[in-house]
Amino acid sequence: MSLHVLRTARLALTPVSWRDMNEIAHLKADGGAFAMMLGGVRNRQQAEAEMVSDITFWAKHGTGMFAIRENGKLIGITGVHERPDGRGVALRFAIYPWASGRGLAREAAAAALRHAHAAGFKRIVAVARDTNIASRKVLGGIGMRVAETFMRSGHEMLLFESVTR
């Protein structure tokens, strides 16, 4: 898996694995990091089920979800997965609130998006609530564009996409 370690100016992104399970379960239980994600905050059992799905996606596609570390400390996750609503392969990212505001989500998400395109995905989507300005800034900042809007649970959602030839 070391082949898939991505390094940016400040971060190391490694494919998620069972070694990360405790840290990722903690992240996914954090309302500040995960409340806006599809499905919301996760319990340990849900986080473990997602880990199985993430590892399977990696095995099948050669890309997927990454653990984001700054100076060895887990600050979040980013990468691509198959959306459960059938909208396609999607970029997602979540970082702890204490790590936000320094451009780390954008730096990590950009690296994960490049990796997914290099792995052969021509179209990658991402979904954000219209009121989630921070996520919208990250997605726009890495070159994704709004392709459509839809309603979910009374919230207007924006579907972003990144398409390569």
Protein backbone atom coordinates (compact mmCIF):
# COMPACT_ATOMS: atom_id res chain seq x y z
CA MET A 1 0.00 0.00 0.00
CA SER A 2 2.98 2.37 0.39
CA LEU A 3 2.63 2.86 -3.37
CA HIS A 4 -0.53 4.84 -2.62
CA VAL A 5 0.82 7.17 0.06
CA LEU A 6 0.21 10.73 -1.10
CA ARG A 7 2.30 13.57 0.26
CA THR A 8 1.43 17.23 0.04
CA ALA A 9 3.27 20.25 1.44
CA ARG A 10 1.89 19.60 4.94
CA LEU A 11 0.12 16.25 4.89
CA ALA A 12 0.50 12.52 4.45
CA LEU A 13 -2.48 10.63 3.03
CA THR A 14 -2.51 6.86 3.48
CA PRO A 15 -5.16 4.37 2.34
CA VAL A 16 -7.51 3.68 5.25
CA SER A 17 -6.86 0.37 6.98
CA TRP A 18 -7.79 -1.54 10.11
CA ARG A 19 -4.75 0.06 11.80
CA ASP A 20 -6.66 3.36 11.60
CA MET A 21 -9.95 1.97 12.92
CA ASN A 22 -9.91 3.47 16.42
CA GLU A 23 -8.90 6.92 15.16
CA ILE A 24 -11.42 6.87 12.29
CA ALA A 25 -14.24 5.63 14.54
CA HIS A 26 -13.50 8.58 16.84
CA LEU A 27 -13.55 11.01 13.89
CA LYS A 28 -16.84 9.61 12.56
CA ALA A 29 -18.42 9.96 16.04
CA ASP A 30 -17.49 13.66 16.17
CA GLY A 31 -20.47 15.89 15.38
CA GLY A 32 -18.26 18.77 14.30
CA ALA A 33 -16.57 16.60 11.69
CA PHE A 34 -19.42 14.32 10.56
CA ALA A 35 -22.82 15.89 11.26
CA MET A 36 -23.13 17.25 7.69
CA MET A 37 -22.09 13.97 6.02
CA LEU A 38 -24.70 11.80 4.32
CA GLY A 39 -25.88 9.53 7.13
CA GLY A 40 -24.49 11.82 9.83
CA VAL A 41 -22.43 10.80 12.84
CA ARG A 42 -21.57 7.10 12.97
CA ASN A 43 -21.31 4.64 15.85
CA ARG A 44 -18.46 2.11 16.06
CA GLN A 45 -20.42 -0.62 14.25
CA GLN A 46 -21.29 1.73 11.36
CA ALA A 47 -17.68 2.94 11.15
CA GLU A 48 -16.45 -0.67 10.97
CA ALA A 49 -18.96 -1.52 8.21
CA GLU A 50 -17.75 1.51 6.24
CA MET A 51 -14.12 0.38 6.73
CA VAL A 52 -14.99 -2.97 5.12
CA SER A 53 -16.58 -1.11 2.21
CA ASP A 54 -13.61 1.29 1.90
CA ILE A 55 -11.02 -1.52 1.88
CA THR A 56 -13.07 -3.44 -0.71
CA PHE A 57 -13.30 -0.32 -2.90
CA TRP A 58 -9.49 0.05 -2.72
CA ALA A 59 -8.99 -3.59 -3.75
CA LYS A 60 -11.32 -3.19 -6.72
CA HIS A 61 -10.31 0.26 -7.99
CA GLY A 62 -6.77 1.06 -6.78
CA THR A 63 -7.99 4.22 -5.08
CA GLY A 64 -10.43 5.09 -2.33
CA MET A 65 -10.52 6.69 1.09
CA PHE A 66 -7.38 8.07 2.73
CA ALA A 67 -6.53 8.87 6.33
CA ILE A 68 -5.18 12.44 6.49
CA ARG A 69 -2.31 13.05 8.90
CA GLU A 70 -0.48 16.23 9.79
CA ASN A 71 2.77 15.61 11.68
CA GLY A 72 1.64 12.02 12.29
CA LYS A 73 -1.71 13.00 13.86
CA LEU A 74 -5.00 11.99 12.21
CA ILE A 75 -6.92 15.15 11.29
CA GLY A 76 -9.51 13.65 8.92
CA ILE A 77 -10.32 11.53 5.91
CA THR A 78 -10.73 12.16 2.21
CA GLY A 79 -11.02 10.16 -0.97
CA VAL A 80 -13.62 8.55 -3.18
CA HIS A 81 -16.32 5.97 -2.60
CA GLU A 82 -19.49 4.77 -4.29
CA ARG A 83 -22.36 6.99 -3.11
CA PRO A 84 -25.17 4.99 -1.52
CA ASP A 85 -27.77 7.11 -3.38
CA GLY A 86 -26.59 5.96 -6.82
CA ARG A 87 -25.18 9.33 -7.90
CA GLY A 88 -21.81 7.79 -8.71
CA VAL A 89 -18.27 7.74 -7.42
CA ALA A 90 -17.93 10.67 -5.08
CA LEU A 91 -15.20 12.64 -3.41
CA ARG A 92 -15.73 13.13 0.30
CA PHE A 93 -13.74 14.74 3.03
CA ALA A 94 -14.15 15.39 6.73
CA ILE A 95 -11.71 16.97 9.14
CA TYR A 96 -11.88 17.79 12.81
CA PRO A 97 -13.05 21.35 13.52
CA TRP A 98 -9.78 22.09 15.35
CA ALA A 99 -7.88 21.35 12.11
CA SER A 100 -10.06 23.58 9.91
CA GLY A 101 -9.35 27.06 8.63
CA ARG A 102 -5.82 26.44 7.34
CA GLY A 103 -6.61 24.98 3.90
CA LEU A 104 -5.83 21.40 4.93
CA ALA A 105 -9.13 19.97 3.68
CA ARG A 106 -8.56 21.59 0.30
CA GLU A 107 -4.96 20.35 0.13
CA ALA A 108 -5.98 16.78 0.98
CA ALA A 109 -9.11 16.70 -1.20
CA ALA A 110 -7.16 18.00 -4.21
CA ALA A 111 -4.58 15.22 -3.84
CA ALA A 112 -7.31 12.56 -3.47
CA LEU A 113 -9.19 13.90 -6.51
CA ARG A 114 -6.02 13.79 -8.66
CA HIS A 115 -5.35 10.23 -7.47
CA ALA A 116 -8.88 9.09 -8.33
CA HIS A 117 -8.70 10.59 -11.82
CA ALA A 118 -5.26 8.98 -12.32
CA ALA A 119 -6.80 5.63 -11.27
CA GLY A 120 -9.17 5.93 -14.23
CA PHE A 121 -12.31 7.63 -12.94
CA LYS A 122 -13.39 10.14 -15.60
CA ARG A 123 -16.28 11.68 -13.63
CA ILE A 124 -16.23 12.23 -9.89
CA VAL A 125 -19.04 13.95 -8.04
CA ALA A 126 -19.32 15.56 -4.62
CA VAL A 127 -22.41 16.71 -2.76
CA ALA A 128 -22.69 19.59 -0.30
CA ARG A 129 -25.59 21.40 1.32
CA ASP A 130 -26.12 24.85 -0.13
CA THR A 131 -25.56 26.22 3.41
CA ASN A 132 -22.23 24.39 3.88
CA ILE A 133 -20.01 27.24 2.74
CA ALA A 134 -16.76 25.64 3.95
CA SER A 135 -17.30 22.49 1.86
CA ARG A 136 -18.44 24.52 -1.13
CA LYS A 137 -15.22 26.57 -0.93
CA VAL A 138 -13.10 23.42 -0.82
CA LEU A 139 -14.90 21.84 -3.78
CA GLY A 140 -14.80 25.01 -5.88
CA GLY A 141 -11.19 25.61 -4.88
CA ILE A 142 -10.09 22.25 -6.28
CA GLY A 143 -11.83 22.88 -9.60
CA MET A 144 -15.13 21.08 -9.11
CA ARG A 145 -18.21 22.77 -10.60
CA VAL A 146 -21.89 22.65 -9.66
CA ALA A 147 -23.69 20.44 -12.18
CA GLU A 148 -27.14 20.21 -10.56
CA THR A 149 -29.14 20.79 -7.40
CA PHE A 150 -31.61 18.53 -5.60
CA MET A 151 -33.52 18.42 -2.35
CA ARG A 152 -32.73 15.97 0.46
CA SER A 153 -34.54 16.00 3.81
CA GLY A 154 -35.65 19.58 3.26
CA HIS A 155 -32.16 20.83 2.37
CA GLU A 156 -31.03 22.10 -1.01
CA MET A 157 -28.03 20.03 -2.09
CA LEU A 158 -25.45 20.95 -4.70
CA LEU A 159 -23.94 18.22 -6.85
CA PHE A 160 -20.42 19.16 -7.92
CA GLU A 161 -18.48 17.29 -10.56
CA SER A 162 -14.96 16.94 -11.90
CA VAL A 163 -14.71 15.47 -15.38
CA THR A 164 -11.54 14.52 -17.28
CA ARG A 165 -11.22 13.40 -20.88
